[in-house]
Amino acid sequence: MSGHSKWSTIKFKKALKDAKRGKIFTRLIREITVAARAGGGDPGSNSRLRLALDKAYGANMTKDTIERAVKRGTGELEGVDYEEVTYEGYGPGGVAILIETMTDNKVRTVAEIRHIFSKRGGNMGTAGSVAYQFKKLGLIVFPGDADEDKILEAALEAGAEDVVNEGERIVVYTAATDLHSVVLALEAAGLQPEESELTMIPENTIEVSGEEAEKLLRLIDFLEENDDVQNVYANYEISEAEMARLEAAS
């Protein structure tokens, strides 16, 4: 299998950054609430909710906190009504950026996202101007020392699209609608993934370096800092040497 190994550098690794900022629980609670509202409170029949619950338990969220989030989603408890809104735009170097948000005030959120773009060298686009450049896929991650042959066999039998050994991790890619069933099949084969999620993979990438790369990373960082932002995806590529230079300079 071949294909997506370079994608590992494309999406920011938000989990560690969120943990530092103390925001990961807020984002997980919103995801649980919205997933429960959209598909009901039973994770057995609501694959999106199950993924959200897996992430929450993996982040050591308490059972009580999780149950309250589910009940707010199903209407058993009163809570904030969040709406999912996706924004699109371009960053330095013409890099396409897709921003997924959950907000209780679209007017506030769009104003804040537009302000970040304008202040950080980007341009906010209209609906559809960027989204066509990305494909929604399921992503299942195993540690790099896991049994690759066993993962490959079980994943292909379950209908996965791709399996890539990236060295530090082994990644299984699935169609968005197949993520839940592939995870279950892998678990039934005795394989326990480190994480699984729906993600957006760019169809093509743009290589950036130097000042353009610095400005782009700052723009994405500011977008991710916004309280309403859940995920940021961008179709950039930065070489290992350039990334090392940027990290040394930061």
C-alpha atoms as a PDB file:
ATOM      1  CA  MET A   1       0.000   0.000   0.000  1.00  0.00           C
ATOM      2  CA  SER A   2       1.226   3.520  -0.624  1.00  0.00           C
ATOM      3  CA  GLY A   3       0.137   7.087  -0.533  1.00  0.00           C
ATOM      4  CA  HIS A   4      -0.365   9.226   2.518  1.00  0.00           C
ATOM      5  CA  SER A   5       2.895   9.124   4.501  1.00  0.00           C
ATOM      6  CA  LYS A   6       3.582  12.803   3.826  1.00  0.00           C
ATOM      7  CA  TRP A   7       0.190  13.780   5.226  1.00  0.00           C
ATOM      8  CA  SER A   8       1.474  13.299   8.770  1.00  0.00           C
ATOM      9  CA  THR A   9       3.077  16.748   8.617  1.00  0.00           C
ATOM     10  CA  ILE A  10       0.026  18.491   7.224  1.00  0.00           C
ATOM     11  CA  LYS A  11      -2.469  18.555  10.056  1.00  0.00           C
ATOM     12  CA  PHE A  12      -1.306  20.235  13.235  1.00  0.00           C
ATOM     13  CA  LYS A  13      -1.011  17.864  16.179  1.00  0.00           C
ATOM     14  CA  LYS A  14      -3.552  19.675  18.276  1.00  0.00           C
ATOM     15  CA  ALA A  15      -3.843  17.251  21.161  1.00  0.00           C
ATOM     16  CA  LEU A  16      -0.588  18.197  22.854  1.00  0.00           C
ATOM     17  CA  LYS A  17      -1.074  21.904  22.186  1.00  0.00           C
ATOM     18  CA  ASP A  18      -4.623  21.778  23.511  1.00  0.00           C
ATOM     19  CA  ALA A  19      -3.512  19.983  26.653  1.00  0.00           C
ATOM     20  CA  LYS A  20      -1.014  22.752  27.328  1.00  0.00           C
ATOM     21  CA  ARG A  21      -3.642  25.419  26.831  1.00  0.00           C
ATOM     22  CA  GLY A  22      -6.164  23.582  28.967  1.00  0.00           C
ATOM     23  CA  LYS A  23      -8.704  23.524  26.130  1.00  0.00           C
ATOM     24  CA  ILE A  24      -8.851  19.881  25.174  1.00  0.00           C
ATOM     25  CA  PHE A  25     -11.703  19.093  27.565  1.00  0.00           C
ATOM     26  CA  THR A  26     -13.782  22.000  26.275  1.00  0.00           C
ATOM     27  CA  ARG A  27     -13.397  20.803  22.708  1.00  0.00           C
ATOM     28  CA  LEU A  28     -14.111  17.201  23.587  1.00  0.00           C
ATOM     29  CA  ILE A  29     -17.234  18.160  25.550  1.00  0.00           C
ATOM     30  CA  ARG A  30     -18.525  20.140  22.570  1.00  0.00           C
ATOM     31  CA  GLU A  31     -17.875  17.216  20.235  1.00  0.00           C
ATOM     32  CA  ILE A  32     -19.666  14.778  22.556  1.00  0.00           C
ATOM     33  CA  THR A  33     -22.631  17.139  22.935  1.00  0.00           C
ATOM     34  CA  VAL A  34     -23.006  17.768  19.203  1.00  0.00           C
ATOM     35  CA  ALA A  35     -22.522  14.084  18.339  1.00  0.00           C
ATOM     36  CA  ALA A  36     -25.199  13.048  20.857  1.00  0.00           C
ATOM     37  CA  ARG A  37     -27.593  15.696  19.558  1.00  0.00           C
ATOM     38  CA  ALA A  38     -27.059  14.614  15.946  1.00  0.00           C
ATOM     39  CA  GLY A  39     -27.230  10.848  16.391  1.00  0.00           C
ATOM     40  CA  GLY A  40     -28.551  10.053  19.853  1.00  0.00           C
ATOM     41  CA  GLY A  41     -26.884   9.090  23.101  1.00  0.00           C
ATOM     42  CA  ASP A  42     -26.157   5.415  22.346  1.00  0.00           C
ATOM     43  CA  PRO A  43     -22.535   4.969  21.184  1.00  0.00           C
ATOM     44  CA  GLY A  44     -23.447   1.522  19.892  1.00  0.00           C
ATOM     45  CA  SER A  45     -25.552   3.052  17.134  1.00  0.00           C
ATOM     46  CA  ASN A  46     -23.818   6.452  16.934  1.00  0.00           C
ATOM     47  CA  SER A  47     -20.286   5.978  15.599  1.00  0.00           C
ATOM     48  CA  ARG A  48     -19.449   9.660  15.854  1.00  0.00           C
ATOM     49  CA  LEU A  49     -20.342   9.652  19.537  1.00  0.00           C
ATOM     50  CA  ARG A  50     -18.278   6.535  20.121  1.00  0.00           C
ATOM     51  CA  LEU A  51     -15.219   8.202  18.590  1.00  0.00           C
ATOM     52  CA  ALA A  52     -15.769  11.264  20.760  1.00  0.00           C
ATOM     53  CA  LEU A  53     -16.140   9.110  23.876  1.00  0.00           C
ATOM     54  CA  ASP A  54     -12.967   7.179  23.042  1.00  0.00           C
ATOM     55  CA  LYS A  55     -11.051  10.441  22.803  1.00  0.00           C
ATOM     56  CA  ALA A  56     -12.534  11.702  26.058  1.00  0.00           C
ATOM     57  CA  TYR A  57     -11.652   8.549  27.986  1.00  0.00           C
ATOM     58  CA  GLY A  58      -8.191   8.627  26.396  1.00  0.00           C
ATOM     59  CA  ALA A  59      -7.766  12.170  27.735  1.00  0.00           C
ATOM     60  CA  ASN A  60      -8.757  10.947  31.225  1.00  0.00           C
ATOM     61  CA  MET A  61     -12.025  12.861  31.320  1.00  0.00           C
ATOM     62  CA  THR A  62     -14.211  11.746  34.216  1.00  0.00           C
ATOM     63  CA  LYS A  63     -17.244   9.556  33.609  1.00  0.00           C
ATOM     64  CA  ASP A  64     -19.550  12.141  35.208  1.00  0.00           C
ATOM     65  CA  THR A  65     -18.314  14.893  32.875  1.00  0.00           C
ATOM     66  CA  ILE A  66     -18.821  12.659  29.855  1.00  0.00           C
ATOM     67  CA  GLU A  67     -22.318  11.616  30.909  1.00  0.00           C
ATOM     68  CA  ARG A  68     -23.358  15.239  31.440  1.00  0.00           C
ATOM     69  CA  ALA A  69     -22.099  16.148  27.973  1.00  0.00           C
ATOM     70  CA  VAL A  70     -24.111  13.303  26.437  1.00  0.00           C
ATOM     71  CA  LYS A  71     -27.246  14.311  28.339  1.00  0.00           C
ATOM     72  CA  ARG A  72     -26.873  17.926  27.215  1.00  0.00           C
ATOM     73  CA  GLY A  73     -26.739  16.649  23.661  1.00  0.00           C
ATOM     74  CA  THR A  74     -29.823  14.475  24.012  1.00  0.00           C
ATOM     75  CA  GLY A  75     -31.739  17.223  25.803  1.00  0.00           C
ATOM     76  CA  GLU A  76     -31.909  15.497  29.181  1.00  0.00           C
ATOM     77  CA  LEU A  77     -29.925  18.403  30.655  1.00  0.00           C
ATOM     78  CA  GLU A  78     -30.057  22.046  29.675  1.00  0.00           C
ATOM     79  CA  GLY A  79     -26.980  23.335  27.887  1.00  0.00           C
ATOM     80  CA  VAL A  80     -25.543  25.593  25.216  1.00  0.00           C
ATOM     81  CA  ASP A  81     -26.759  24.889  21.691  1.00  0.00           C
ATOM     82  CA  TYR A  82     -23.645  24.590  19.537  1.00  0.00           C
ATOM     83  CA  GLU A  83     -23.720  24.775  15.758  1.00  0.00           C
ATOM     84  CA  GLU A  84     -21.099  23.318  13.445  1.00  0.00           C
ATOM     85  CA  VAL A  85     -19.763  25.831  10.931  1.00  0.00           C
ATOM     86  CA  THR A  86     -16.838  25.410   8.525  1.00  0.00           C
ATOM     87  CA  TYR A  87     -14.846  28.393   7.289  1.00  0.00           C
ATOM     88  CA  GLU A  88     -12.425  28.485   4.367  1.00  0.00           C
ATOM     89  CA  GLY A  89      -9.564  30.677   3.296  1.00  0.00           C
ATOM     90  CA  TYR A  90      -6.040  31.021   1.991  1.00  0.00           C
ATOM     91  CA  GLY A  91      -2.808  31.630   3.852  1.00  0.00           C
ATOM     92  CA  PRO A  92       0.631  32.848   2.783  1.00  0.00           C
ATOM     93  CA  GLY A  93       1.887  31.082  -0.334  1.00  0.00           C
ATOM     94  CA  GLY A  94      -1.651  30.356  -1.491  1.00  0.00           C
ATOM     95  CA  VAL A  95      -2.069  27.520   1.012  1.00  0.00           C
ATOM     96  CA  ALA A  96      -5.694  26.373   1.362  1.00  0.00           C
ATOM     97  CA  ILE A  97      -7.025  26.370   4.932  1.00  0.00           C
ATOM     98  CA  LEU A  98     -10.170  24.676   6.223  1.00  0.00           C
ATOM     99  CA  ILE A  99     -11.434  25.557   9.724  1.00  0.00           C
ATOM    100  CA  GLU A 100     -14.043  23.491  11.556  1.00  0.00           C
ATOM    101  CA  THR A 101     -15.793  25.281  14.409  1.00  0.00           C
ATOM    102  CA  MET A 102     -18.510  24.662  16.970  1.00  0.00           C
ATOM    103  CA  THR A 103     -20.125  27.899  18.038  1.00  0.00           C
ATOM    104  CA  ASP A 104     -23.079  29.305  19.924  1.00  0.00           C
ATOM    105  CA  ASN A 105     -22.718  32.625  18.075  1.00  0.00           C
ATOM    106  CA  LYS A 106     -21.912  32.531  14.355  1.00  0.00           C
ATOM    107  CA  VAL A 107     -21.694  36.311  14.074  1.00  0.00           C
ATOM    108  CA  ARG A 108     -18.955  36.433  16.709  1.00  0.00           C
ATOM    109  CA  THR A 109     -17.063  33.465  15.295  1.00  0.00           C
ATOM    110  CA  VAL A 110     -16.985  34.596  11.675  1.00  0.00           C
ATOM    111  CA  ALA A 111     -15.834  38.059  12.739  1.00  0.00           C
ATOM    112  CA  GLU A 112     -13.010  36.577  14.796  1.00  0.00           C
ATOM    113  CA  ILE A 113     -11.891  34.189  12.040  1.00  0.00           C
ATOM    114  CA  ARG A 114     -11.946  36.970   9.442  1.00  0.00           C
ATOM    115  CA  HIS A 115      -9.910  39.208  11.773  1.00  0.00           C
ATOM    116  CA  ILE A 116      -7.261  36.495  12.223  1.00  0.00           C
ATOM    117  CA  PHE A 117      -6.958  35.988   8.466  1.00  0.00           C
ATOM    118  CA  SER A 118      -6.623  39.706   7.749  1.00  0.00           C
ATOM    119  CA  LYS A 119      -4.082  40.313  10.535  1.00  0.00           C
ATOM    120  CA  ARG A 120      -1.915  37.294   9.714  1.00  0.00           C
ATOM    121  CA  GLY A 121      -1.442  37.556   5.955  1.00  0.00           C
ATOM    122  CA  GLY A 122      -4.352  35.420   4.821  1.00  0.00           C
ATOM    123  CA  ASN A 123      -7.647  35.870   3.039  1.00  0.00           C
ATOM    124  CA  MET A 124     -10.981  34.443   4.095  1.00  0.00           C
ATOM    125  CA  GLY A 125     -12.773  32.698   1.241  1.00  0.00           C
ATOM    126  CA  THR A 126     -16.370  31.963   0.385  1.00  0.00           C
ATOM    127  CA  ALA A 127     -18.089  28.646   1.059  1.00  0.00           C
ATOM    128  CA  GLY A 128     -16.722  26.004  -1.310  1.00  0.00           C
ATOM    129  CA  SER A 129     -13.617  27.952  -2.297  1.00  0.00           C
ATOM    130  CA  VAL A 130     -11.316  25.550  -0.435  1.00  0.00           C
ATOM    131  CA  ALA A 131     -13.305  22.493   0.657  1.00  0.00           C
ATOM    132  CA  TYR A 132     -13.110  20.793  -2.753  1.00  0.00           C
ATOM    133  CA  GLN A 133      -9.332  20.475  -2.271  1.00  0.00           C
ATOM    134  CA  PHE A 134      -9.774  18.144   0.718  1.00  0.00           C
ATOM    135  CA  LYS A 135     -11.160  14.647   1.156  1.00  0.00           C
ATOM    136  CA  LYS A 136     -12.717  13.379   4.395  1.00  0.00           C
ATOM    137  CA  LEU A 137     -11.125  10.122   5.528  1.00  0.00           C
ATOM    138  CA  GLY A 138     -11.028   7.987   8.636  1.00  0.00           C
ATOM    139  CA  LEU A 139      -7.632   7.738  10.300  1.00  0.00           C
ATOM    140  CA  ILE A 140      -6.587   4.974  12.711  1.00  0.00           C
ATOM    141  CA  VAL A 141      -3.185   5.183  14.395  1.00  0.00           C
ATOM    142  CA  PHE A 142      -1.009   2.423  15.856  1.00  0.00           C
ATOM    143  CA  PRO A 143       2.457   2.752  17.414  1.00  0.00           C
ATOM    144  CA  GLY A 144       5.370   2.204  15.049  1.00  0.00           C
ATOM    145  CA  ASP A 145       6.401  -1.043  16.757  1.00  0.00           C
ATOM    146  CA  ALA A 146       2.995  -2.671  16.312  1.00  0.00           C
ATOM    147  CA  ASP A 147       2.603  -5.792  14.144  1.00  0.00           C
ATOM    148  CA  GLU A 148       2.389  -4.201  10.701  1.00  0.00           C
ATOM    149  CA  ASP A 149       1.583  -7.432   8.858  1.00  0.00           C
ATOM    150  CA  LYS A 150      -1.305  -8.210  11.190  1.00  0.00           C
ATOM    151  CA  ILE A 151      -2.626  -4.645  10.918  1.00  0.00           C
ATOM    152  CA  LEU A 152      -2.365  -4.729   7.120  1.00  0.00           C
ATOM    153  CA  GLU A 153      -4.178  -8.052   6.831  1.00  0.00           C
ATOM    154  CA  ALA A 154      -6.988  -7.114   9.231  1.00  0.00           C
ATOM    155  CA  ALA A 155      -7.399  -3.588   7.808  1.00  0.00           C
ATOM    156  CA  LEU A 156      -7.624  -4.720   4.184  1.00  0.00           C
ATOM    157  CA  GLU A 157     -10.065  -7.474   5.081  1.00  0.00           C
ATOM    158  CA  ALA A 158     -12.217  -4.869   6.866  1.00  0.00           C
ATOM    159  CA  GLY A 159     -12.258  -2.585   3.813  1.00  0.00           C
ATOM    160  CA  ALA A 160      -9.582   0.009   4.670  1.00  0.00           C
ATOM    161  CA  GLU A 161      -8.304   2.186   1.826  1.00  0.00           C
ATOM    162  CA  ASP A 162      -4.636   2.392   2.778  1.00  0.00           C
ATOM    163  CA  VAL A 163      -2.066   1.381   5.401  1.00  0.00           C
ATOM    164  CA  VAL A 164       1.115   3.427   5.761  1.00  0.00           C
ATOM    165  CA  ASN A 165       4.125   2.798   7.972  1.00  0.00           C
ATOM    166  CA  GLU A 166       5.464   6.242   8.858  1.00  0.00           C
ATOM    167  CA  GLY A 167       8.195   4.942  11.130  1.00  0.00           C
ATOM    168  CA  GLU A 168       7.014   6.312  14.453  1.00  0.00           C
ATOM    169  CA  ARG A 169       3.451   5.194  13.758  1.00  0.00           C
ATOM    170  CA  ILE A 170       1.408   2.974  11.476  1.00  0.00           C
ATOM    171  CA  VAL A 171      -1.639   4.687   9.984  1.00  0.00           C
ATOM    172  CA  VAL A 172      -4.744   3.037   8.552  1.00  0.00           C
ATOM    173  CA  TYR A 173      -6.887   5.195   6.257  1.00  0.00           C
ATOM    174  CA  THR A 174     -10.547   4.405   5.609  1.00  0.00           C
ATOM    175  CA  ALA A 175     -13.532   5.919   3.866  1.00  0.00           C
ATOM    176  CA  ALA A 176     -15.265   8.282   6.286  1.00  0.00           C
ATOM    177  CA  THR A 177     -18.320   6.026   6.475  1.00  0.00           C
ATOM    178  CA  ASP A 178     -16.190   2.926   7.171  1.00  0.00           C
ATOM    179  CA  LEU A 179     -14.124   4.227  10.099  1.00  0.00           C
ATOM    180  CA  HIS A 180     -16.292   2.728  12.840  1.00  0.00           C
ATOM    181  CA  SER A 181     -16.543  -0.725  11.230  1.00  0.00           C
ATOM    182  CA  VAL A 182     -12.807  -0.895  10.508  1.00  0.00           C
ATOM    183  CA  VAL A 183     -11.955   0.078  14.097  1.00  0.00           C
ATOM    184  CA  LEU A 184     -14.270  -2.662  15.382  1.00  0.00           C
ATOM    185  CA  ALA A 185     -12.702  -5.211  13.015  1.00  0.00           C
ATOM    186  CA  LEU A 186      -9.179  -4.278  14.111  1.00  0.00           C
ATOM    187  CA  GLU A 187     -10.163  -4.513  17.777  1.00  0.00           C
ATOM    188  CA  ALA A 188     -11.785  -7.910  17.132  1.00  0.00           C
ATOM    189  CA  ALA A 189      -8.444  -9.039  15.667  1.00  0.00           C
ATOM    190  CA  GLY A 190      -6.742  -8.114  18.933  1.00  0.00           C
ATOM    191  CA  LEU A 191      -5.332  -4.813  17.660  1.00  0.00           C
ATOM    192  CA  GLN A 192      -5.895  -1.764  19.863  1.00  0.00           C
ATOM    193  CA  PRO A 193      -5.366   1.596  18.088  1.00  0.00           C
ATOM    194  CA  GLU A 194      -3.869   4.570  19.901  1.00  0.00           C
ATOM    195  CA  GLU A 195      -6.417   6.889  18.330  1.00  0.00           C
ATOM    196  CA  SER A 196      -9.030   7.062  15.596  1.00  0.00           C
ATOM    197  CA  GLU A 197     -10.720  10.067  14.067  1.00  0.00           C
ATOM    198  CA  LEU A 198     -12.248  11.606  10.985  1.00  0.00           C
ATOM    199  CA  THR A 199      -9.824  13.960   9.264  1.00  0.00           C
ATOM    200  CA  MET A 200      -9.513  16.025   6.098  1.00  0.00           C
ATOM    201  CA  ILE A 201      -6.684  15.071   3.735  1.00  0.00           C
ATOM    202  CA  PRO A 202      -5.638  17.499   0.972  1.00  0.00           C
ATOM    203  CA  GLU A 203      -5.696  16.194  -2.582  1.00  0.00           C
ATOM    204  CA  ASN A 204      -2.544  18.189  -3.409  1.00  0.00           C
ATOM    205  CA  THR A 205       0.006  20.114  -1.357  1.00  0.00           C
ATOM    206  CA  ILE A 206       1.987  23.341  -1.682  1.00  0.00           C
ATOM    207  CA  GLU A 207       5.564  23.462  -0.400  1.00  0.00           C
ATOM    208  CA  VAL A 208       6.379  26.538   1.674  1.00  0.00           C
ATOM    209  CA  SER A 209       9.597  27.708   3.280  1.00  0.00           C
ATOM    210  CA  GLY A 210      11.305  30.744   4.768  1.00  0.00           C
ATOM    211  CA  GLU A 211       9.184  33.733   5.693  1.00  0.00           C
ATOM    212  CA  GLU A 212       6.102  32.273   4.016  1.00  0.00           C
ATOM    213  CA  ALA A 213       6.307  29.167   6.212  1.00  0.00           C
ATOM    214  CA  GLU A 214       6.783  31.247   9.362  1.00  0.00           C
ATOM    215  CA  LYS A 215       3.775  33.437   8.568  1.00  0.00           C
ATOM    216  CA  LEU A 216       1.640  30.433   7.662  1.00  0.00           C
ATOM    217  CA  LEU A 217       2.400  28.593  10.903  1.00  0.00           C
ATOM    218  CA  ARG A 218       1.649  31.724  12.934  1.00  0.00           C
ATOM    219  CA  LEU A 219      -1.678  32.121  11.114  1.00  0.00           C
ATOM    220  CA  ILE A 220      -2.657  28.514  11.802  1.00  0.00           C
ATOM    221  CA  ASP A 221      -1.536  28.848  15.419  1.00  0.00           C
ATOM    222  CA  PHE A 222      -3.787  31.884  15.933  1.00  0.00           C
ATOM    223  CA  LEU A 223      -6.713  30.089  14.304  1.00  0.00           C
ATOM    224  CA  GLU A 224      -6.250  27.109  16.612  1.00  0.00           C
ATOM    225  CA  GLU A 225      -6.088  29.406  19.621  1.00  0.00           C
ATOM    226  CA  ASN A 226      -9.647  30.566  18.966  1.00  0.00           C
ATOM    227  CA  ASP A 227     -12.067  29.073  21.484  1.00  0.00           C
ATOM    228  CA  ASP A 228     -14.645  28.107  18.837  1.00  0.00           C
ATOM    229  CA  VAL A 229     -12.197  26.289  16.555  1.00  0.00           C
ATOM    230  CA  GLN A 230     -12.196  22.483  16.711  1.00  0.00           C
ATOM    231  CA  ASN A 231      -9.860  21.589  13.837  1.00  0.00           C
ATOM    232  CA  VAL A 232      -7.660  23.357  11.299  1.00  0.00           C
ATOM    233  CA  TYR A 233      -6.517  21.650   8.093  1.00  0.00           C
ATOM    234  CA  ALA A 234      -4.148  23.072   5.495  1.00  0.00           C
ATOM    235  CA  ASN A 235      -2.579  21.752   2.285  1.00  0.00           C
ATOM    236  CA  TYR A 236       0.980  22.870   2.974  1.00  0.00           C
ATOM    237  CA  GLU A 237       4.147  20.813   3.011  1.00  0.00           C
ATOM    238  CA  ILE A 238       7.363  21.802   4.793  1.00  0.00           C
ATOM    239  CA  SER A 239      10.608  19.876   4.323  1.00  0.00           C
ATOM    240  CA  GLU A 240      12.230  18.260   7.352  1.00  0.00           C
ATOM    241  CA  ALA A 241      15.241  20.565   7.057  1.00  0.00           C
ATOM    242  CA  GLU A 242      13.036  23.656   6.923  1.00  0.00           C
ATOM    243  CA  MET A 243      10.939  22.459   9.856  1.00  0.00           C
ATOM    244  CA  ALA A 244      14.104  21.899  11.897  1.00  0.00           C
ATOM    245  CA  ARG A 245      15.213  25.444  11.075  1.00  0.00           C
ATOM    246  CA  LEU A 246      11.864  26.882  12.104  1.00  0.00           C
ATOM    247  CA  GLU A 247      11.863  24.958  15.372  1.00  0.00           C
ATOM    248  CA  ALA A 248      15.392  26.113  16.163  1.00  0.00           C
ATOM    249  CA  ALA A 249      14.413  29.720  15.490  1.00  0.00           C
ATOM    250  CA  SER A 250      11.272  29.594  17.651  1.00  0.00           C
END
